[in-house]
Amino acid sequence: MANICDYLRWRGDISLEERPFNDVDNIILSALSYLDFTGIVPGERSGGTIVLSRACRKLIERGAGDVTHYVRSLAKVDTTFVDLIASSRRFGGAVLHSYVDIVDEQRSLQFSALRIDLSSDETYVSYRGTDSTLVGWREDFMLSFEVTEAQREALAYLDRAGAWAAEQDRRLLVGGHSKGGVLAEYAAAKCADEVRERILRVYSNDGPGMSSDVMRVDGRSVLGDKLVRIVPSYSVVGMLFARQGDPRVIVQSSGTGIGQHDPTTWQVTRSGVMEAPALQPDCVLLNDAIASWASDLSLAERERVTNEVFDALATGGATRFDEITATNDGLQQVLSALNNTDGRTREVLAALVDRIVNTSVEAVRKSAQDTLSAWRKGTKEAAEMAARKVFKAGSVALRKGEIKIVLPHSTHN
């Protein structure tokens, strides 16, 4: 099965003039924004530009041949991808500029974007999705009860891009993956009319919709056929707040379960995505359950649960998910904090953890179930004991390669 790297090998030597922009090109450019180009791609204030091939080479050099530490995503964007896009005729000559990267815990804000000039008259505005920071995940949860700071930043960024495009007589393509998808949709739906007139397409790549409790008007009603939603056959994130009848492209994936959220697992052809006939049945059941959970909570309750969950996760000073699970003590601190919350919050975290661990190792499965049971009962001592068992069994299994950890982009993202 072929993915976006295979596509770059197949189509990398064919220009956009020879074969027009398609859905796969969009997926590639939405993934590009997951790279940390700080100090490489000029920002909006400083001005200036850099050719894509040169920017990617600089990033590879910075990582001494390994860009892993500069990928701000759980998606498996790697050095191979960066090298292929840099060396391609299709994208290598594109021009990057107006890079923005903001993480502000006080404002519960994680936002990043850049512009990619594909030709003399077309620019792709790429919004970064959720990274592995707690503040990024907290903001994802916040989509369920309010318009977030990232959405406001995305709108302001697109309005500035639109004013610039008018001066340059350019047309815009706007897109992103995961949270980047909803940022693209929100910004395009809310931007000034004169900016929207310059937009050719808006791509939401497995991005959540916008809750009707927060926004009565969704992107489809404003953007019409300009809005393209692409989701894998096991889509959880991209089906959140989905509205009945909304058209979407369903793509096959080499991933399993929520791991299909990773765009590097999506299957492609030489001219587009490899479509699936429908969402997988077990995915539909899960989405129905999540939709039911969200509908049972008022906006105020969603806010309370979000704050309790992420305040607990940040116990001990963690700012990233990997810092929580790095030590047994860190995990125990989180569980202790969770046991001071109410039953609804523990249930939300239980559901999240239940989907994080994807394993056939019986020792870890049993310990994980003990932990979930303890959370639900609110028994602090039992939870901490179960946490120690999970951590010990999981560490052994990880070293043996018997367990895979899959981090979704939130309970609803």
Protein backbone atom coordinates (compact mmCIF):
# COMPACT_ATOMS: atom_id res chain seq x y z
CA MET A 1 0.00 0.00 0.00
CA ALA A 2 1.25 3.47 -0.92
CA ASN A 3 1.44 6.55 1.30
CA ILE A 4 2.44 10.20 0.84
CA CYS A 5 6.15 9.31 0.68
CA ASP A 6 5.42 6.90 -2.18
CA TYR A 7 3.45 9.66 -3.89
CA LEU A 8 6.47 11.98 -3.65
CA ARG A 9 8.60 9.26 -5.24
CA TRP A 10 6.03 8.81 -8.03
CA ARG A 11 5.05 12.41 -8.66
CA GLY A 12 7.99 14.34 -7.27
CA ASP A 13 9.38 14.96 -10.75
CA ILE A 14 6.09 16.25 -12.15
CA SER A 15 5.32 19.94 -11.71
CA LEU A 16 1.98 21.36 -10.63
CA GLU A 17 1.64 22.87 -14.09
CA GLU A 18 1.81 19.39 -15.61
CA ARG A 19 -0.51 17.74 -13.08
CA PRO A 20 -2.78 20.14 -11.14
CA PHE A 21 -3.00 20.29 -7.35
CA ASN A 22 -4.99 17.41 -5.82
CA ASP A 23 -6.08 16.04 -2.44
CA VAL A 24 -2.76 14.26 -1.83
CA ASP A 25 -0.79 17.46 -2.44
CA ASN A 26 -2.97 19.06 0.22
CA ILE A 27 -2.24 16.26 2.72
CA ILE A 28 1.49 16.69 2.15
CA LEU A 29 1.39 20.45 2.70
CA SER A 30 -0.77 20.13 5.80
CA ALA A 31 1.83 17.72 7.22
CA LEU A 32 4.62 20.18 6.40
CA SER A 33 3.38 22.57 9.08
CA TYR A 34 4.18 19.94 11.75
CA LEU A 35 7.87 20.72 11.26
CA ASP A 36 9.45 23.22 13.64
CA PHE A 37 10.95 25.79 11.27
CA THR A 38 11.85 28.27 14.02
CA GLY A 39 14.85 30.30 12.92
CA ILE A 40 14.66 28.86 9.40
CA VAL A 41 11.44 30.13 7.83
CA PRO A 42 11.05 33.91 8.25
CA GLY A 43 8.17 35.11 10.39
CA GLU A 44 5.48 37.63 9.52
CA ARG A 45 7.17 40.50 11.31
CA SER A 46 10.68 39.93 10.01
CA GLY A 47 9.54 39.40 6.44
CA GLY A 48 11.59 37.55 3.86
CA THR A 49 11.23 34.12 2.29
CA ILE A 50 13.11 30.84 1.89
CA VAL A 51 12.82 28.17 -0.77
CA LEU A 52 11.27 24.96 0.56
CA SER A 53 14.18 22.74 -0.48
CA ARG A 54 16.66 24.95 1.36
CA ALA A 55 14.50 25.18 4.49
CA CYS A 56 14.16 21.39 4.64
CA ARG A 57 17.89 20.86 4.12
CA LYS A 58 18.62 23.28 6.94
CA LEU A 59 16.25 21.36 9.22
CA ILE A 60 17.93 18.05 8.36
CA GLU A 61 21.33 19.60 9.06
CA ARG A 62 20.07 20.99 12.37
CA GLY A 63 19.01 17.49 13.40
CA ALA A 64 22.26 15.92 12.18
CA GLY A 65 20.27 13.82 9.74
CA ASP A 66 17.35 13.09 12.06
CA VAL A 67 14.40 15.53 12.21
CA THR A 68 12.55 13.61 14.93
CA HIS A 69 13.12 16.30 17.57
CA TYR A 70 11.69 18.95 15.23
CA VAL A 71 8.38 17.23 14.46
CA ARG A 72 5.62 18.81 16.52
CA SER A 73 3.12 16.01 16.10
CA LEU A 74 2.35 12.43 16.99
CA ALA A 75 2.11 11.80 13.23
CA LYS A 76 5.11 9.87 11.90
CA VAL A 77 6.53 12.66 9.78
CA ASP A 78 10.22 11.76 9.41
CA THR A 79 13.48 12.56 7.65
CA THR A 80 12.48 10.50 4.62
CA PHE A 81 9.41 12.67 4.10
CA VAL A 82 11.43 15.88 4.55
CA ASP A 83 14.12 14.71 2.13
CA LEU A 84 11.59 13.62 -0.50
CA ILE A 85 9.61 16.86 -0.47
CA ALA A 86 12.83 18.90 -0.54
CA SER A 87 14.24 17.04 -3.55
CA SER A 88 10.96 17.03 -5.49
CA ARG A 89 10.40 19.20 -8.52
CA ARG A 90 6.75 19.42 -7.51
CA PHE A 91 7.37 21.21 -4.21
CA GLY A 92 11.11 21.84 -3.84
CA GLY A 93 10.93 25.25 -5.49
CA ALA A 94 7.96 26.46 -3.43
CA VAL A 95 8.59 29.50 -1.25
CA LEU A 96 7.96 29.48 2.53
CA HIS A 97 7.30 32.52 4.66
CA SER A 98 5.16 34.11 7.41
CA TYR A 99 5.93 31.33 9.93
CA VAL A 100 4.15 31.64 13.28
CA ASP A 101 4.61 29.35 16.30
CA ILE A 102 3.02 30.25 19.63
CA VAL A 103 2.55 28.23 22.82
CA ASP A 104 1.06 30.24 25.66
CA GLU A 105 -0.09 28.27 28.70
CA GLN A 106 -1.67 31.32 30.31
CA ARG A 107 -3.99 31.71 27.32
CA SER A 108 -4.38 27.93 26.77
CA LEU A 109 -3.01 28.56 23.30
CA GLN A 110 -1.04 26.40 20.87
CA PHE A 111 -0.96 27.85 17.36
CA SER A 112 1.34 27.55 14.37
CA ALA A 113 0.99 28.27 10.66
CA LEU A 114 2.97 29.14 7.55
CA ARG A 115 2.36 30.14 3.95
CA ILE A 116 3.62 28.12 1.00
CA ASP A 117 3.79 29.91 -2.38
CA LEU A 118 3.26 27.17 -4.95
CA SER A 119 3.41 29.41 -8.00
CA SER A 120 3.29 33.05 -8.94
CA ASP A 121 -0.44 33.20 -8.20
CA GLU A 122 -1.33 30.45 -5.67
CA THR A 123 -0.46 30.09 -1.98
CA TYR A 124 -1.32 27.29 0.47
CA VAL A 125 -1.97 28.44 4.04
CA SER A 126 -1.06 25.50 6.30
CA TYR A 127 -2.28 25.34 9.92
CA ARG A 128 -0.52 22.99 12.35
CA GLY A 129 -2.66 20.48 14.24
CA THR A 130 -2.33 19.36 17.84
CA ASP A 131 1.18 18.74 19.13
CA SER A 132 2.13 16.67 22.19
CA THR A 133 1.87 19.54 24.70
CA LEU A 134 -0.80 19.48 27.39
CA VAL A 135 -1.83 23.02 26.48
CA GLY A 136 -2.46 21.89 22.91
CA TRP A 137 -4.64 19.02 24.06
CA ARG A 138 -6.47 21.22 26.58
CA GLU A 139 -7.36 23.57 23.75
CA ASP A 140 -8.74 20.64 21.74
CA PHE A 141 -11.11 19.82 24.58
CA MET A 142 -12.08 23.49 24.74
CA LEU A 143 -13.51 23.25 21.21
CA SER A 144 -16.50 21.51 22.81
CA PHE A 145 -17.61 24.56 24.79
CA GLU A 146 -16.10 27.75 23.32
CA VAL A 147 -14.30 29.42 20.45
CA THR A 148 -10.63 28.97 21.31
CA GLU A 149 -7.67 31.31 21.22
CA ALA A 150 -6.17 29.24 18.39
CA GLN A 151 -9.30 29.78 16.29
CA ARG A 152 -9.07 33.53 16.85
CA GLU A 153 -5.37 33.47 15.91
CA ALA A 154 -6.17 31.42 12.81
CA LEU A 155 -8.79 33.93 11.70
CA ALA A 156 -6.47 36.89 12.22
CA TYR A 157 -3.69 35.05 10.35
CA LEU A 158 -5.95 34.32 7.37
CA ASP A 159 -7.22 37.89 7.22
CA ARG A 160 -3.61 39.09 7.04
CA ALA A 161 -2.82 36.46 4.40
CA GLY A 162 -5.85 37.60 2.43
CA ALA A 163 -4.80 41.25 2.50
CA TRP A 164 -1.33 40.23 1.31
CA ALA A 165 -2.85 38.00 -1.41
CA ALA A 166 -4.94 40.92 -2.68
CA GLU A 167 -1.78 43.02 -3.06
CA GLN A 168 -0.08 40.14 -4.91
CA ASP A 169 -3.21 39.17 -6.89
CA ARG A 170 -3.01 35.63 -5.50
CA ARG A 171 -5.51 32.86 -4.83
CA LEU A 172 -5.42 30.87 -1.61
CA LEU A 173 -5.68 27.21 -0.65
CA VAL A 174 -6.24 26.76 3.08
CA GLY A 175 -5.80 23.55 5.05
CA GLY A 176 -4.59 21.61 8.04
CA HIS A 177 -4.65 18.22 9.73
CA SER A 178 -6.45 17.41 13.01
CA LYS A 179 -6.95 20.66 14.92
CA GLY A 180 -5.35 22.39 11.93
CA GLY A 181 -8.35 21.29 9.91
CA VAL A 182 -10.89 22.97 12.16
CA LEU A 183 -8.68 26.08 12.29
CA ALA A 184 -8.72 26.22 8.48
CA GLU A 185 -12.50 25.74 8.36
CA TYR A 186 -13.22 28.27 11.11
CA ALA A 187 -10.91 30.93 9.68
CA ALA A 188 -12.29 30.56 6.15
CA ALA A 189 -15.89 30.65 7.38
CA LYS A 190 -15.36 33.75 9.52
CA CYS A 191 -12.89 35.79 7.44
CA ALA A 192 -13.75 38.96 5.56
CA ASP A 193 -15.80 38.46 2.40
CA GLU A 194 -13.04 39.84 0.19
CA VAL A 195 -10.61 37.30 1.65
CA ARG A 196 -13.05 34.40 1.18
CA GLU A 197 -13.46 35.35 -2.48
CA ARG A 198 -9.76 34.61 -2.98
CA ILE A 199 -10.02 31.12 -1.48
CA LEU A 200 -10.11 28.24 -3.97
CA ARG A 201 -10.36 25.32 -1.52
CA VAL A 202 -10.44 24.71 2.24
CA TYR A 203 -9.17 21.31 3.39
CA SER A 204 -9.98 19.74 6.75
CA ASN A 205 -7.87 16.58 6.98
CA ASP A 206 -9.49 14.52 9.75
CA GLY A 207 -10.22 17.72 11.62
CA PRO A 208 -13.16 17.97 14.03
CA GLY A 209 -16.23 19.96 13.14
CA MET A 210 -17.50 22.91 15.09
CA SER A 211 -19.98 22.21 17.87
CA SER A 212 -23.44 23.55 17.03
CA ASP A 213 -23.71 24.57 20.70
CA VAL A 214 -20.79 26.95 20.12
CA MET A 215 -21.26 27.94 16.47
CA ARG A 216 -24.72 27.82 14.94
CA VAL A 217 -23.30 28.30 11.44
CA ASP A 218 -20.80 25.70 10.23
CA GLY A 219 -18.19 25.85 7.49
CA ARG A 220 -20.27 23.98 4.91
CA SER A 221 -23.12 26.51 5.00
CA VAL A 222 -20.67 29.36 4.34
CA LEU A 223 -18.06 27.71 2.12
CA GLY A 224 -20.20 25.24 0.18
CA ASP A 225 -18.23 23.04 -2.19
CA LYS A 226 -15.02 24.91 -1.43
CA LEU A 227 -14.80 22.88 1.80
CA VAL A 228 -13.23 19.42 1.38
CA ARG A 229 -13.29 17.08 4.37
CA ILE A 230 -11.00 14.04 4.22
CA VAL A 231 -11.17 11.33 6.90
CA PRO A 232 -9.72 7.80 7.26
CA SER A 233 -12.06 4.81 7.46
CA TYR A 234 -11.57 4.75 11.25
CA SER A 235 -12.11 8.41 11.99
CA VAL A 236 -12.81 9.62 15.50
CA VAL A 237 -11.32 13.11 15.44
CA GLY A 238 -12.76 13.99 12.04
CA MET A 239 -16.26 12.86 13.01
CA LEU A 240 -16.51 14.94 16.17
CA PHE A 241 -19.41 17.39 15.91
CA ALA A 242 -20.09 16.05 12.43
CA ARG A 243 -23.34 17.33 10.98
CA GLN A 244 -25.82 15.07 9.23
CA GLY A 245 -25.41 14.95 5.46
CA ASP A 246 -22.00 16.61 5.34
CA PRO A 247 -20.06 15.16 2.38
CA ARG A 248 -16.57 13.83 3.06
CA VAL A 249 -13.90 11.79 1.31
CA ILE A 250 -13.18 8.55 3.21
CA VAL A 251 -9.67 7.25 2.63
CA GLN A 252 -8.19 3.81 3.25
CA SER A 253 -5.40 3.57 5.83
CA SER A 254 -2.68 1.10 6.80
CA GLY A 255 -3.19 2.05 10.45
CA THR A 256 -5.43 0.37 13.00
CA GLY A 257 -8.06 2.00 15.16
CA ILE A 258 -7.42 5.59 16.12
CA GLY A 259 -3.88 5.17 14.71
CA GLN A 260 -5.49 5.94 11.35
CA HIS A 261 -5.56 9.58 12.41
CA ASP A 262 -1.89 9.72 11.35
CA PRO A 263 -1.90 11.08 7.75
CA THR A 264 1.26 9.14 6.90
CA THR A 265 -0.88 5.96 7.09
CA TRP A 266 -3.37 7.17 4.49
CA GLN A 267 -3.34 5.27 1.21
CA VAL A 268 -2.93 7.15 -2.05
CA THR A 269 -2.70 6.66 -5.80
CA ARG A 270 -0.73 8.62 -8.37
CA SER A 271 -3.57 11.12 -8.74
CA GLY A 272 -5.52 11.12 -5.47
CA VAL A 273 -6.46 9.26 -2.32
CA MET A 274 -7.53 5.60 -2.28
CA GLU A 275 -11.13 5.84 -1.17
CA ALA A 276 -12.92 3.48 1.22
CA PRO A 277 -16.64 2.74 0.81
CA ALA A 278 -17.61 3.77 4.34
CA LEU A 279 -16.47 4.22 7.92
CA GLN A 280 -15.69 0.99 9.76
CA PRO A 281 -18.69 -0.29 11.81
CA ASP A 282 -16.84 -0.29 15.17
CA CYS A 283 -15.75 3.29 14.49
CA VAL A 284 -19.37 4.32 13.95
CA LEU A 285 -20.32 2.79 17.31
CA LEU A 286 -17.49 4.65 19.08
CA ASN A 287 -18.44 7.95 17.45
CA ASP A 288 -22.07 7.47 18.50
CA ALA A 289 -20.94 6.89 22.10
CA ILE A 290 -18.76 10.02 22.12
CA ALA A 291 -21.54 12.09 20.57
CA SER A 292 -23.91 10.83 23.27
CA TRP A 293 -21.40 11.74 26.00
CA ALA A 294 -20.99 15.27 24.65
CA SER A 295 -24.74 15.79 24.28
CA ASP A 296 -25.31 14.79 27.91
CA LEU A 297 -23.10 17.63 29.18
CA SER A 298 -23.90 21.31 29.24
CA LEU A 299 -21.23 23.76 28.05
CA ALA A 300 -20.43 24.59 31.67
CA GLU A 301 -20.01 20.89 32.51
CA ARG A 302 -17.73 20.35 29.51
CA GLU A 303 -15.60 23.25 30.73
CA ARG A 304 -15.46 21.90 34.27
CA VAL A 305 -14.44 18.40 33.13
CA THR A 306 -11.79 19.85 30.83
CA ASN A 307 -10.25 21.94 33.59
CA GLU A 308 -10.29 19.05 36.08
CA VAL A 309 -8.72 16.64 33.60
CA PHE A 310 -5.88 18.91 32.51
CA ASP A 311 -5.17 20.37 35.91
CA ALA A 312 -4.74 16.77 37.10
CA LEU A 313 -2.51 15.86 34.15
CA ALA A 314 -0.29 18.86 34.87
CA THR A 315 0.23 17.76 38.48
CA GLY A 316 3.95 17.66 39.16
CA GLY A 317 4.77 20.29 36.55
CA ALA A 318 4.42 18.19 33.37
CA THR A 319 3.91 20.19 30.17
CA ARG A 320 3.93 17.27 27.71
CA PHE A 321 2.29 13.84 27.70
CA ASP A 322 5.61 12.02 27.59
CA GLU A 323 6.65 13.77 30.82
CA ILE A 324 3.62 12.31 32.64
CA THR A 325 4.48 8.72 31.72
CA ALA A 326 8.26 9.11 32.08
CA THR A 327 8.26 7.99 35.72
CA ASN A 328 6.05 5.92 37.98
CA ASP A 329 5.88 8.80 40.48
CA GLY A 330 4.55 11.12 37.79
CA LEU A 331 1.78 8.71 36.88
CA GLN A 332 0.86 8.21 40.54
CA GLN A 333 0.63 11.97 41.09
CA VAL A 334 -1.81 12.25 38.21
CA LEU A 335 -3.95 9.39 39.52
CA SER A 336 -3.99 10.88 43.01
CA ALA A 337 -5.16 14.21 41.61
CA LEU A 338 -7.82 12.48 39.55
CA ASN A 339 -9.24 10.77 42.60
CA ASN A 340 -10.06 14.18 44.01
CA THR A 341 -12.34 14.86 41.04
CA ASP A 342 -15.91 13.71 40.58
CA GLY A 343 -17.06 10.48 38.97
CA ARG A 344 -17.79 12.05 35.56
CA THR A 345 -14.25 13.33 35.22
CA ARG A 346 -12.77 9.97 36.20
CA GLU A 347 -15.00 8.32 33.60
CA VAL A 348 -13.66 10.67 30.89
CA LEU A 349 -10.05 9.88 31.82
CA ALA A 350 -10.84 6.18 32.01
CA ALA A 351 -12.17 6.33 28.45
CA LEU A 352 -9.07 8.23 27.30
CA VAL A 353 -6.62 5.80 28.90
CA ASP A 354 -8.64 2.83 27.64
CA ARG A 355 -7.98 4.05 24.09
CA ILE A 356 -4.34 4.99 24.66
CA VAL A 357 -3.21 1.44 25.39
CA ASN A 358 -3.42 -0.86 22.37
CA THR A 359 -1.96 -4.21 23.39
CA SER A 360 -2.49 -7.94 23.50
CA VAL A 361 -0.23 -8.38 26.52
CA GLU A 362 -2.41 -9.89 29.22
CA ALA A 363 -0.40 -8.50 32.15
CA VAL A 364 -0.82 -4.93 30.92
CA ARG A 365 -4.45 -5.47 29.94
CA LYS A 366 -5.33 -6.78 33.40
CA SER A 367 -3.44 -4.01 35.20
CA ALA A 368 -5.02 -1.36 32.99
CA GLN A 369 -8.49 -2.69 33.76
CA ASP A 370 -7.67 -2.64 37.48
CA THR A 371 -6.68 1.01 37.14
CA LEU A 372 -9.84 1.95 35.27
CA SER A 373 -11.95 0.14 37.84
CA ALA A 374 -10.19 1.97 40.67
CA TRP A 375 -10.69 5.34 39.00
CA ARG A 376 -14.37 4.67 38.55
CA LYS A 377 -14.75 3.71 42.22
CA GLY A 378 -12.65 6.65 43.36
CA THR A 379 -10.41 4.45 45.47
CA LYS A 380 -7.11 6.27 45.82
CA GLU A 381 -5.07 3.43 47.33
CA ALA A 382 -6.30 0.87 44.80
CA ALA A 383 -5.63 3.28 41.93
CA GLU A 384 -2.07 3.93 43.01
CA MET A 385 -1.36 0.22 43.44
CA ALA A 386 -2.83 -0.53 40.02
CA ALA A 387 -0.80 2.32 38.52
CA ARG A 388 2.42 0.76 39.79
CA LYS A 389 1.41 -2.56 38.24
CA VAL A 390 0.57 -0.92 34.92
CA PHE A 391 3.82 1.01 34.85
CA LYS A 392 5.94 -2.06 35.67
CA ALA A 393 4.15 -4.40 33.26
CA GLY A 394 4.02 -1.78 30.54
CA SER A 395 7.71 -0.91 30.83
CA VAL A 396 8.68 -4.57 30.43
CA ALA A 397 6.34 -5.01 27.48
CA LEU A 398 7.60 -1.86 25.79
CA ARG A 399 11.20 -3.03 26.05
CA LYS A 400 10.20 -6.35 24.50
CA GLY A 401 8.28 -4.63 21.71
CA GLU A 402 5.05 -6.33 22.78
CA ILE A 403 3.04 -3.18 23.36
CA LYS A 404 2.27 -0.13 21.28
CA ILE A 405 1.20 3.16 22.80
CA VAL A 406 -1.21 5.17 20.67
CA LEU A 407 -1.99 8.69 21.79
CA PRO A 408 -5.18 10.09 20.30
CA HIS A 409 -5.47 13.84 19.91
CA SER A 410 -7.95 14.10 22.79
CA THR A 411 -11.04 12.45 24.18
CA HIS A 412 -12.89 14.26 21.46
CA ASN A 413 -9.68 14.96 19.54
